[in-house]
Every structure is written in C-alpha cells, then in structure tokens.
C-alpha atoms as a PDB file:
ATOM      1  CA  UNK A   1    -187.357 151.822 -17.836  1.00  0.00           C
ATOM      2  CA  UNK A   2    -184.429 153.709 -16.332  1.00  0.00           C
ATOM      3  CA  UNK A   3    -184.473 154.319 -12.589  1.00  0.00           C
ATOM      4  CA  UNK A   4    -184.626 158.044 -13.246  1.00  0.00           C
ATOM      5  CA  UNK A   5    -187.879 157.617 -15.144  1.00  0.00           C
ATOM      6  CA  UNK A   6    -189.176 155.170 -12.555  1.00  0.00           C
ATOM      7  CA  UNK A   7    -188.690 157.764  -9.775  1.00  0.00           C
ATOM      8  CA  UNK A   8    -190.043 160.683 -11.808  1.00  0.00           C
ATOM      9  CA  UNK A   9    -193.823 160.953 -12.051  1.00  0.00           C
ATOM     10  CA  UNK A  10    -195.177 162.889 -15.020  1.00  0.00           C
ATOM     11  CA  UNK A  11    -196.980 165.276 -12.670  1.00  0.00           C
ATOM     12  CA  UNK A  12    -193.614 166.036 -11.049  1.00  0.00           C
ATOM     13  CA  UNK A  13    -192.194 167.612 -14.223  1.00  0.00           C
ATOM     14  CA  UNK A  14    -192.341 171.349 -14.942  1.00  0.00           C
ATOM     15  CA  UNK A  15    -190.339 172.494 -17.957  1.00  0.00           C
ATOM     16  CA  UNK A  16    -191.629 176.073 -17.937  1.00  0.00           C
ATOM     17  CA  UNK A  17    -191.358 177.137 -14.318  1.00  0.00           C
ATOM     18  CA  UNK A  18    -190.914 180.626 -12.928  1.00  0.00           C
ATOM     19  CA  UNK A  19    -189.077 181.527  -9.732  1.00  0.00           C
ATOM     20  CA  UNK A  20    -188.112 184.866  -8.208  1.00  0.00           C
ATOM     21  CA  UNK A  21    -185.145 183.404  -6.325  1.00  0.00           C
ATOM     22  CA  UNK A  22    -183.531 180.156  -5.211  1.00  0.00           C
ATOM     23  CA  UNK A  23    -186.047 179.615  -2.411  1.00  0.00           C
ATOM     24  CA  UNK A  24    -188.884 179.821  -4.914  1.00  0.00           C
ATOM     25  CA  UNK A  25    -187.084 177.383  -7.190  1.00  0.00           C
ATOM     26  CA  UNK A  26    -186.708 174.796  -4.425  1.00  0.00           C
ATOM     27  CA  UNK A  27    -190.277 175.433  -3.264  1.00  0.00           C
ATOM     28  CA  UNK A  28    -191.539 174.746  -6.785  1.00  0.00           C
ATOM     29  CA  UNK A  29    -189.616 171.462  -6.942  1.00  0.00           C
ATOM     30  CA  UNK A  30    -190.835 170.516  -3.486  1.00  0.00           C
ATOM     31  CA  UNK A  31    -194.453 171.379  -4.289  1.00  0.00           C
ATOM     32  CA  UNK A  32    -194.367 168.979  -7.225  1.00  0.00           C
ATOM     33  CA  UNK A  33    -193.296 166.197  -4.852  1.00  0.00           C
ATOM     34  CA  UNK A  34    -195.945 167.225  -2.352  1.00  0.00           C
ATOM     35  CA  UNK A  35    -198.653 167.154  -5.032  1.00  0.00           C
ATOM     36  CA  UNK A  36    -197.588 163.656  -6.074  1.00  0.00           C
ATOM     37  CA  UNK A  37    -197.891 162.431  -2.495  1.00  0.00           C
ATOM     38  CA  UNK A  38    -194.179 161.635  -2.153  1.00  0.00           C
ATOM     39  CA  UNK A  39    -193.495 164.135   0.650  1.00  0.00           C
ATOM     40  CA  UNK A  40    -195.111 166.537   3.061  1.00  0.00           C
ATOM     41  CA  UNK A  41    -194.402 170.262   3.252  1.00  0.00           C
ATOM     42  CA  UNK A  42    -191.928 169.607   6.061  1.00  0.00           C
ATOM     43  CA  UNK A  43    -189.524 168.062   3.578  1.00  0.00           C
ATOM     44  CA  UNK A  44    -189.708 171.071   1.247  1.00  0.00           C
ATOM     45  CA  UNK A  45    -188.901 173.303   4.194  1.00  0.00           C
ATOM     46  CA  UNK A  46    -185.990 171.028   5.126  1.00  0.00           C
ATOM     47  CA  UNK A  47    -184.532 171.313   1.609  1.00  0.00           C
ATOM     48  CA  UNK A  48    -184.601 175.098   1.860  1.00  0.00           C
ATOM     49  CA  UNK A  49    -183.126 175.076   5.368  1.00  0.00           C
ATOM     50  CA  UNK A  50    -180.275 172.848   4.190  1.00  0.00           C
ATOM     51  CA  UNK A  51    -179.136 175.585   1.818  1.00  0.00           C
ATOM     52  CA  UNK A  52    -179.689 178.273   4.445  1.00  0.00           C
ATOM     53  CA  UNK A  53    -177.474 176.327   6.855  1.00  0.00           C
ATOM     54  CA  UNK A  54    -174.777 175.105   4.458  1.00  0.00           C
ATOM     55  CA  UNK A  55    -174.794 177.542   1.558  1.00  0.00           C
ATOM     56  CA  UNK A  56    -175.319 176.729  -2.142  1.00  0.00           C
ATOM     57  CA  UNK A  57    -173.483 173.395  -2.016  1.00  0.00           C
ATOM     58  CA  UNK A  58    -176.368 171.770  -3.911  1.00  0.00           C
ATOM     59  CA  UNK A  59    -175.339 173.650  -7.085  1.00  0.00           C
ATOM     60  CA  UNK A  60    -173.036 170.824  -8.179  1.00  0.00           C
ATOM     61  CA  UNK A  61    -172.617 171.671 -11.872  1.00  0.00           C
ATOM     62  CA  UNK A  62    -173.036 174.729 -14.095  1.00  0.00           C
ATOM     63  CA  UNK A  63    -176.713 175.699 -14.136  1.00  0.00           C
ATOM     64  CA  UNK A  64    -177.806 172.704 -12.050  1.00  0.00           C
ATOM     65  CA  UNK A  65    -178.996 172.406  -8.443  1.00  0.00           C
ATOM     66  CA  UNK A  66    -179.779 169.139  -6.695  1.00  0.00           C
ATOM     67  CA  UNK A  67    -182.204 169.881  -3.858  1.00  0.00           C
ATOM     68  CA  UNK A  68    -182.559 167.334  -1.066  1.00  0.00           C
ATOM     69  CA  UNK A  69    -182.643 166.823   2.695  1.00  0.00           C
ATOM     70  CA  UNK A  70    -182.104 163.961   5.103  1.00  0.00           C
ATOM     71  CA  UNK A  71    -184.518 160.998   5.039  1.00  0.00           C
ATOM     72  CA  UNK A  72    -187.347 161.593   7.497  1.00  0.00           C
ATOM     73  CA  UNK A  73    -190.986 160.835   8.219  1.00  0.00           C
ATOM     74  CA  UNK A  74    -191.815 163.649   5.803  1.00  0.00           C
ATOM     75  CA  UNK A  75    -190.792 161.326   2.944  1.00  0.00           C
ATOM     76  CA  UNK A  76    -193.579 158.923   1.977  1.00  0.00           C
ATOM     77  CA  UNK A  77    -191.728 157.306  -0.908  1.00  0.00           C
ATOM     78  CA  UNK A  78    -188.493 157.784  -2.850  1.00  0.00           C
ATOM     79  CA  UNK A  79    -189.111 160.126  -5.778  1.00  0.00           C
ATOM     80  CA  UNK A  80    -187.674 163.016  -7.760  1.00  0.00           C
ATOM     81  CA  UNK A  81    -189.130 166.137  -9.333  1.00  0.00           C
ATOM     82  CA  UNK A  82    -187.796 168.022 -12.362  1.00  0.00           C
ATOM     83  CA  UNK A  83    -187.966 171.810 -12.698  1.00  0.00           C
ATOM     84  CA  UNK A  84    -186.568 173.818 -15.591  1.00  0.00           C
ATOM     85  CA  UNK A  85    -186.775 177.563 -15.103  1.00  0.00           C
ATOM     86  CA  UNK A  86    -187.743 179.971 -17.859  1.00  0.00           C
ATOM     87  CA  UNK A  87    -185.378 182.508 -16.287  1.00  0.00           C
ATOM     88  CA  UNK A  88    -182.336 181.227 -14.338  1.00  0.00           C
ATOM     89  CA  UNK A  89    -181.866 182.305 -10.730  1.00  0.00           C
ATOM     90  CA  UNK A  90    -178.822 182.919  -8.552  1.00  0.00           C
ATOM     91  CA  UNK A  91    -178.121 180.519  -5.691  1.00  0.00           C
ATOM     92  CA  UNK A  92    -174.970 182.327  -4.617  1.00  0.00           C
ATOM     93  CA  UNK A  93    -172.507 179.800  -6.040  1.00  0.00           C
ATOM     94  CA  UNK A  94    -169.223 181.355  -7.133  1.00  0.00           C
ATOM     95  CA  UNK A  95    -168.861 179.405 -10.386  1.00  0.00           C
ATOM     96  CA  UNK A  96    -172.018 177.418 -11.240  1.00  0.00           C
ATOM     97  CA  UNK A  97    -174.638 180.192 -11.126  1.00  0.00           C
ATOM     98  CA  UNK A  98    -177.123 180.991 -12.547  1.00  0.00           C
ATOM     99  CA  UNK A  99    -179.270 177.866 -12.208  1.00  0.00           C
ATOM    100  CA  UNK A 100    -181.918 176.904 -14.742  1.00  0.00           C
ATOM    101  CA  UNK A 101    -182.415 173.240 -13.784  1.00  0.00           C
ATOM    102  CA  UNK A 102    -183.455 172.055 -10.327  1.00  0.00           C
ATOM    103  CA  UNK A 103    -183.962 168.380  -9.522  1.00  0.00           C
ATOM    104  CA  UNK A 104    -185.326 167.575  -6.075  1.00  0.00           C
ATOM    105  CA  UNK A 105    -184.806 164.191  -4.434  1.00  0.00           C
ATOM    106  CA  UNK A 106    -186.880 162.693  -1.640  1.00  0.00           C
ATOM    107  CA  UNK A 107    -185.241 159.499  -0.384  1.00  0.00           C
ATOM    108  CA  UNK A 108    -186.648 157.037   2.141  1.00  0.00           C
ATOM    109  CA  UNK A 109    -183.132 155.789   2.886  1.00  0.00           C
ATOM    110  CA  UNK A 110    -179.551 156.164   1.641  1.00  0.00           C
ATOM    111  CA  UNK A 111    -179.652 153.326  -0.900  1.00  0.00           C
ATOM    112  CA  UNK A 112    -182.860 153.375  -2.953  1.00  0.00           C
ATOM    113  CA  UNK A 113    -181.729 156.170  -5.270  1.00  0.00           C
ATOM    114  CA  UNK A 114    -178.053 155.250  -5.794  1.00  0.00           C
ATOM    115  CA  UNK A 115    -178.340 154.067  -9.404  1.00  0.00           C
ATOM    116  CA  UNK A 116    -180.551 156.975 -10.425  1.00  0.00           C
ATOM    117  CA  UNK A 117    -177.992 159.449  -9.055  1.00  0.00           C
ATOM    118  CA  UNK A 118    -175.240 157.703 -10.996  1.00  0.00           C
ATOM    119  CA  UNK A 119    -177.285 157.953 -14.188  1.00  0.00           C
ATOM    120  CA  UNK A 120    -178.099 161.613 -13.580  1.00  0.00           C
ATOM    121  CA  UNK A 121    -174.451 162.470 -12.964  1.00  0.00           C
ATOM    122  CA  UNK A 122    -173.501 160.859 -16.278  1.00  0.00           C
ATOM    123  CA  UNK A 123    -176.220 162.765 -18.121  1.00  0.00           C
ATOM    124  CA  UNK A 124    -175.164 166.106 -16.702  1.00  0.00           C
ATOM    125  CA  UNK A 125    -171.532 165.389 -17.486  1.00  0.00           C
ATOM    126  CA  UNK A 126    -172.373 164.675 -21.130  1.00  0.00           C
ATOM    127  CA  UNK A 127    -172.467 167.970 -23.042  1.00  0.00           C
ATOM    128  CA  UNK A 128    -174.838 166.661 -25.709  1.00  0.00           C
ATOM    129  CA  UNK A 129    -177.270 165.249 -23.147  1.00  0.00           C
ATOM    130  CA  UNK A 130    -177.079 168.421 -21.048  1.00  0.00           C
ATOM    131  CA  UNK A 131    -178.023 170.478 -24.102  1.00  0.00           C
ATOM    132  CA  UNK A 132    -180.963 168.165 -24.740  1.00  0.00           C
ATOM    133  CA  UNK A 133    -182.152 168.619 -21.159  1.00  0.00           C
ATOM    134  CA  UNK A 134    -182.206 172.364 -21.802  1.00  0.00           C
ATOM    135  CA  UNK A 135    -184.139 172.054 -25.057  1.00  0.00           C
ATOM    136  CA  UNK A 136    -186.784 169.338 -24.543  1.00  0.00           C
ATOM    137  CA  UNK A 137    -190.299 170.768 -24.685  1.00  0.00           C
ATOM    138  CA  UNK A 138    -192.438 167.908 -23.360  1.00  0.00           C
ATOM    139  CA  UNK A 139    -192.343 165.342 -20.597  1.00  0.00           C
ATOM    140  CA  UNK A 140    -192.153 162.619 -23.232  1.00  0.00           C
ATOM    141  CA  UNK A 141    -189.046 164.162 -24.792  1.00  0.00           C
ATOM    142  CA  UNK A 142    -187.462 164.482 -21.344  1.00  0.00           C
ATOM    143  CA  UNK A 143    -188.151 160.829 -20.614  1.00  0.00           C
ATOM    144  CA  UNK A 144    -186.436 159.820 -23.849  1.00  0.00           C
ATOM    145  CA  UNK A 145    -183.284 161.627 -22.759  1.00  0.00           C
ATOM    146  CA  UNK A 146    -183.469 160.128 -19.263  1.00  0.00           C
ATOM    147  CA  UNK A 147    -183.936 156.672 -20.728  1.00  0.00           C
ATOM    148  CA  UNK A 148    -180.539 156.956 -22.401  1.00  0.00           C
ATOM    149  CA  UNK A 149    -178.853 157.570 -19.049  1.00  0.00           C
ATOM    150  CA  UNK A 150    -177.970 153.978 -18.343  1.00  0.00           C
ATOM    151  CA  UNK A 151    -176.518 153.385 -21.781  1.00  0.00           C
ATOM    152  CA  UNK A 152    -172.802 153.548 -22.448  1.00  0.00           C
ATOM    153  CA  UNK A 153    -171.804 156.848 -23.999  1.00  0.00           C
ATOM    154  CA  UNK A 154    -168.456 158.317 -24.884  1.00  0.00           C
ATOM    155  CA  UNK A 155    -167.728 161.925 -24.072  1.00  0.00           C
ATOM    156  CA  UNK A 156    -164.662 164.034 -24.685  1.00  0.00           C
ATOM    157  CA  UNK A 157    -163.971 164.109 -20.953  1.00  0.00           C
ATOM    158  CA  UNK A 158    -164.207 160.360 -20.635  1.00  0.00           C
ATOM    159  CA  UNK A 159    -161.840 160.002 -23.541  1.00  0.00           C
ATOM    160  CA  UNK A 160    -159.387 162.358 -21.855  1.00  0.00           C
ATOM    161  CA  UNK A 161    -159.391 160.292 -18.684  1.00  0.00           C
ATOM    162  CA  UNK A 162    -159.109 157.061 -20.638  1.00  0.00           C
ATOM    163  CA  UNK A 163    -156.140 158.412 -22.541  1.00  0.00           C
ATOM    164  CA  UNK A 164    -154.478 159.081 -19.208  1.00  0.00           C
ATOM    165  CA  UNK A 165    -155.280 155.627 -17.889  1.00  0.00           C
ATOM    166  CA  UNK A 166    -152.211 153.917 -19.308  1.00  0.00           C
ATOM    167  CA  UNK A 167    -149.779 156.241 -17.538  1.00  0.00           C
ATOM    168  CA  UNK A 168    -151.828 156.604 -14.365  1.00  0.00           C
ATOM    169  CA  UNK A 169    -152.626 152.921 -14.164  1.00  0.00           C
ATOM    170  CA  UNK A 170    -148.978 152.055 -14.638  1.00  0.00           C
ATOM    171  CA  UNK A 171    -148.102 154.172 -11.601  1.00  0.00           C
ATOM    172  CA  UNK A 172    -151.011 153.022  -9.459  1.00  0.00           C
ATOM    173  CA  UNK A 173    -148.586 151.886  -6.796  1.00  0.00           C
ATOM    174  CA  UNK A 174    -147.647 155.507  -6.243  1.00  0.00           C
ATOM    175  CA  UNK A 175    -150.685 155.653  -3.949  1.00  0.00           C
ATOM    176  CA  UNK A 176    -148.909 153.062  -1.811  1.00  0.00           C
ATOM    177  CA  UNK A 177    -145.712 155.119  -2.016  1.00  0.00           C
ATOM    178  CA  UNK A 178    -147.420 157.921  -0.083  1.00  0.00           C
ATOM    179  CA  UNK A 179    -148.847 155.394   2.375  1.00  0.00           C
ATOM    180  CA  UNK A 180    -152.325 155.546   0.916  1.00  0.00           C
ATOM    181  CA  UNK A 181    -155.045 154.241   3.174  1.00  0.00           C
ATOM    182  CA  UNK A 182    -157.001 153.190   0.098  1.00  0.00           C
ATOM    183  CA  UNK A 183    -159.987 155.381   0.872  1.00  0.00           C
ATOM    184  CA  UNK A 184    -161.381 158.734  -0.278  1.00  0.00           C
ATOM    185  CA  UNK A 185    -164.404 160.480   1.229  1.00  0.00           C
ATOM    186  CA  UNK A 186    -166.843 162.599  -0.765  1.00  0.00           C
ATOM    187  CA  UNK A 187    -168.837 164.814   1.562  1.00  0.00           C
ATOM    188  CA  UNK A 188    -172.056 166.825   1.552  1.00  0.00           C
ATOM    189  CA  UNK A 189    -174.414 168.149   4.184  1.00  0.00           C
ATOM    190  CA  UNK A 190    -176.660 165.088   4.211  1.00  0.00           C
ATOM    191  CA  UNK A 191    -174.436 162.335   2.851  1.00  0.00           C
ATOM    192  CA  UNK A 192    -176.916 161.042   0.289  1.00  0.00           C
ATOM    193  CA  UNK A 193    -177.216 163.616  -2.481  1.00  0.00           C
ATOM    194  CA  UNK A 194    -174.395 165.758  -3.772  1.00  0.00           C
ATOM    195  CA  UNK A 195    -171.767 163.497  -2.200  1.00  0.00           C
ATOM    196  CA  UNK A 196    -173.162 160.641  -4.301  1.00  0.00           C
ATOM    197  CA  UNK A 197    -172.837 162.773  -7.425  1.00  0.00           C
ATOM    198  CA  UNK A 198    -169.186 163.345  -6.648  1.00  0.00           C
ATOM    199  CA  UNK A 199    -168.589 159.720  -5.692  1.00  0.00           C
ATOM    200  CA  UNK A 200    -170.030 158.506  -8.998  1.00  0.00           C
ATOM    201  CA  UNK A 201    -167.784 160.810 -11.014  1.00  0.00           C
ATOM    202  CA  UNK A 202    -164.736 159.910  -8.922  1.00  0.00           C
ATOM    203  CA  UNK A 203    -165.465 156.193  -9.308  1.00  0.00           C
ATOM    204  CA  UNK A 204    -165.574 156.673 -13.070  1.00  0.00           C
ATOM    205  CA  UNK A 205    -162.166 158.365 -13.144  1.00  0.00           C
ATOM    206  CA  UNK A 206    -160.640 155.723 -10.875  1.00  0.00           C
ATOM    207  CA  UNK A 207    -162.058 153.008 -13.119  1.00  0.00           C
ATOM    208  CA  UNK A 208    -160.515 154.660 -16.181  1.00  0.00           C
ATOM    209  CA  UNK A 209    -157.190 154.851 -14.378  1.00  0.00           C
ATOM    210  CA  UNK A 210    -157.317 151.204 -13.353  1.00  0.00           C
ATOM    211  CA  UNK A 211    -157.386 152.198  -9.677  1.00  0.00           C
ATOM    212  CA  UNK A 212    -160.921 151.056  -8.867  1.00  0.00           C
ATOM    213  CA  UNK A 213    -159.656 148.117  -6.791  1.00  0.00           C
ATOM    214  CA  UNK A 214    -157.063 150.243  -5.006  1.00  0.00           C
ATOM    215  CA  UNK A 215    -159.236 153.102  -3.756  1.00  0.00           C
ATOM    216  CA  UNK A 216    -162.584 152.787  -1.999  1.00  0.00           C
ATOM    217  CA  UNK A 217    -164.792 155.863  -2.306  1.00  0.00           C
ATOM    218  CA  UNK A 218    -167.389 156.548   0.380  1.00  0.00           C
ATOM    219  CA  UNK A 219    -170.079 159.238   0.269  1.00  0.00           C
ATOM    220  CA  UNK A 220    -170.842 160.680   3.689  1.00  0.00           C
ATOM    221  CA  UNK A 221    -172.082 163.729   5.588  1.00  0.00           C
ATOM    222  CA  UNK A 222    -170.179 166.461   7.398  1.00  0.00           C
ATOM    223  CA  UNK A 223    -170.637 165.039  10.888  1.00  0.00           C
ATOM    224  CA  UNK A 224    -169.375 161.586   9.927  1.00  0.00           C
ATOM    225  CA  UNK A 225    -166.569 163.054   7.841  1.00  0.00           C
ATOM    226  CA  UNK A 226    -165.176 165.018  10.783  1.00  0.00           C
ATOM    227  CA  UNK A 227    -164.970 161.839  12.844  1.00  0.00           C
ATOM    228  CA  UNK A 228    -163.639 159.602  10.076  1.00  0.00           C
ATOM    229  CA  UNK A 229    -161.431 161.936   8.051  1.00  0.00           C
ATOM    230  CA  UNK A 230    -158.164 160.341   9.174  1.00  0.00           C
ATOM    231  CA  UNK A 231    -159.319 156.999   7.738  1.00  0.00           C
ATOM    232  CA  UNK A 232    -159.031 158.544   4.272  1.00  0.00           C
ATOM    233  CA  UNK A 233    -156.255 159.837   2.035  1.00  0.00           C
ATOM    234  CA  UNK A 234    -158.243 163.034   1.503  1.00  0.00           C
ATOM    235  CA  UNK A 235    -161.731 164.508   1.172  1.00  0.00           C
ATOM    236  CA  UNK A 236    -163.370 165.836  -1.989  1.00  0.00           C
ATOM    237  CA  UNK A 237    -166.279 168.232  -1.501  1.00  0.00           C
ATOM    238  CA  UNK A 238    -167.761 171.645  -2.321  1.00  0.00           C
ATOM    239  CA  UNK A 239    -166.364 174.974  -1.168  1.00  0.00           C
ATOM    240  CA  UNK A 240    -169.242 175.494   1.253  1.00  0.00           C
ATOM    241  CA  UNK A 241    -168.846 172.095   2.906  1.00  0.00           C
ATOM    242  CA  UNK A 242    -165.052 172.477   2.999  1.00  0.00           C
ATOM    243  CA  UNK A 243    -165.520 175.656   5.050  1.00  0.00           C
ATOM    244  CA  UNK A 244    -167.838 173.780   7.416  1.00  0.00           C
ATOM    245  CA  UNK A 245    -165.373 170.918   7.844  1.00  0.00           C
ATOM    246  CA  UNK A 246    -162.376 173.109   8.621  1.00  0.00           C
ATOM    247  CA  UNK A 247    -159.122 171.354   9.514  1.00  0.00           C
ATOM    248  CA  UNK A 248    -159.800 167.622   9.777  1.00  0.00           C
ATOM    249  CA  UNK A 249    -156.225 166.374   9.599  1.00  0.00           C
ATOM    250  CA  UNK A 250    -156.233 165.343   5.935  1.00  0.00           C
ATOM    251  CA  UNK A 251    -156.365 167.396   2.715  1.00  0.00           C
ATOM    252  CA  UNK A 252    -159.817 168.746   1.816  1.00  0.00           C
ATOM    253  CA  UNK A 253    -160.011 169.461  -1.921  1.00  0.00           C
ATOM    254  CA  UNK A 254    -162.781 171.578  -3.432  1.00  0.00           C
ATOM    255  CA  UNK A 255    -164.423 170.363  -6.646  1.00  0.00           C
ATOM    256  CA  UNK A 256    -166.497 173.011  -8.410  1.00  0.00           C
ATOM    257  CA  UNK A 257    -168.220 170.815 -11.022  1.00  0.00           C
ATOM    258  CA  UNK A 258    -169.136 167.432  -9.577  1.00  0.00           C
ATOM    259  CA  UNK A 259    -169.801 166.033 -13.048  1.00  0.00           C
ATOM    260  CA  UNK A 260    -166.459 167.105 -14.560  1.00  0.00           C
ATOM    261  CA  UNK A 261    -164.189 164.104 -15.032  1.00  0.00           C
ATOM    262  CA  UNK A 262    -161.311 166.329 -16.133  1.00  0.00           C
ATOM    263  CA  UNK A 263    -161.493 168.463 -12.971  1.00  0.00           C
ATOM    264  CA  UNK A 264    -161.528 165.369 -10.764  1.00  0.00           C
ATOM    265  CA  UNK A 265    -158.718 163.800 -12.814  1.00  0.00           C
ATOM    266  CA  UNK A 266    -156.583 166.904 -12.239  1.00  0.00           C
ATOM    267  CA  UNK A 267    -157.372 166.885  -8.499  1.00  0.00           C
ATOM    268  CA  UNK A 268    -156.286 163.266  -8.125  1.00  0.00           C
ATOM    269  CA  UNK A 269    -153.023 163.913  -9.977  1.00  0.00           C
ATOM    270  CA  UNK A 270    -152.263 166.815  -7.644  1.00  0.00           C
ATOM    271  CA  UNK A 271    -153.230 164.977  -4.468  1.00  0.00           C
ATOM    272  CA  UNK A 272    -151.323 161.813  -5.364  1.00  0.00           C
ATOM    273  CA  UNK A 273    -148.428 163.822  -6.866  1.00  0.00           C
ATOM    274  CA  UNK A 274    -148.585 162.033 -10.224  1.00  0.00           C
END
C-alpha cells in the first residue's frame, strides 16, 4: 500500500463536495479529518488562519490546494483528507485558480508524511494522473490512482529535464564558479507542506541534471528562512511567501506551479546563469 493510501481513510474522501468559497473548501477537508478522529476543530481553524495570514500560498499547482498548519496538540495522528469540488472556487491565486481539488494534511511532526508528499507531487505533475484524479468516481478508483504514485513514470516534463541533463550535468561546476554554497531553501509558512512539494520537484530536477550531490535542498518556514537565507544560494517559494520574506540578502525566486519540472528547470538555469 502506498503511503498516500495508508494516510487516507475512506471516510476522509469526498469526491462530490460543495463549497461557497475557499474557507468552506478548507472547512470541508478539515471536517473529514475531524470526523475520522485525526484532528480537533482547532486544527481546521489553524488551516484557515494560515491562508488568512499568508495568502493563497497553499494553491501550489493549477486547480490544487494543499491545506495544512503547524503540528500541534490538535493533531491526534498523521492523516490526509481528499476533497474534490463539484464547482471550483477561487482562493485568490494569480495563476492557479480556480481550485477543484483540496487535500488537507494533519502531521504529528515534520517527517512522518515526507514520502507521501513526494508521491503526491509526482502525481500532480503527471498530466495523465492529474486527469484521472479529476475523473475518478469512487474511493476505490481514487485509491488505484494513488497506488501508482510510488511507481516510476515518464512524463513529457521529466523527459525535457532529462534531455537537458547532459549539458547541465557537464557544466555542474558552474555552481562552484559563482561560489555556490551548495544549498537551496524552499520555503512556506509552516515548513512542512508546500515547501516539501517544491523540494521534491527541485530534487527531481537536480537528480536529472546530475547535481543531486552538489546541491542540498532544505524545506523550511518563513521564520527560519529569514535567519538562514545567507547559508543558501537562493530561495524558491510562492509569491505570497516571497512578499513576506522581503529582502533576505539572497535571490528569492517565485515558482507558480510547484509540480512543474520545466518551470523549476528554467529557474535554475536563470539563477545559475547556465
């Protein structure tokens, strides 16, 4: 069983949900976790407040929002819920709205869900799998798609990055030429949700390039990032979090689609002047 399926209880799936706005959408996802006993209502409220405080940074890919908050006593066990909306809603994101799929994560700590987030990022970045997520009609069909998450797939984007690997890998020392510190930070409000999505996609591009051993990618939150920014070559994050960070002494690059390997590939080429 994939970790995604292991964390997703059948009673935490709603493929025909209705929401008047983004708060309703998050509330629906949170209620499913509450009903399963994974969280208390305080955690649902915290997920909503996170967006109120930081903006729609949880909308990490077209049509997809990843609701979450910091680990707390309101989390009884690590779990996810899955909500697909009959009518998409606006979160206020400038490029990824409207949202029809909301996945909520409740994490007891910052490690238990790492593999499941990697699998989910790969699914969302795969056009065929993303279409299947929009068309499944039962929990059983959804689980079949989620079960494929850990399996090796080839996508057009992955192929594009792989095709670039020979030239990029051959010039890997160019990172040293600009006095690379060998570290990149991916940042979100809580350091354990959307930043992990971005880290997983960035790791995949670096692996394709042959740079995986040269660059260490760390997912972190805004507070830590402000204090540690100068340890890194640059920061990758959302537009909302970039505005919160301000000037931290290193480049802060906005990624609109955290699952897009081609967008991240282009950002790295610009930042490392390849």
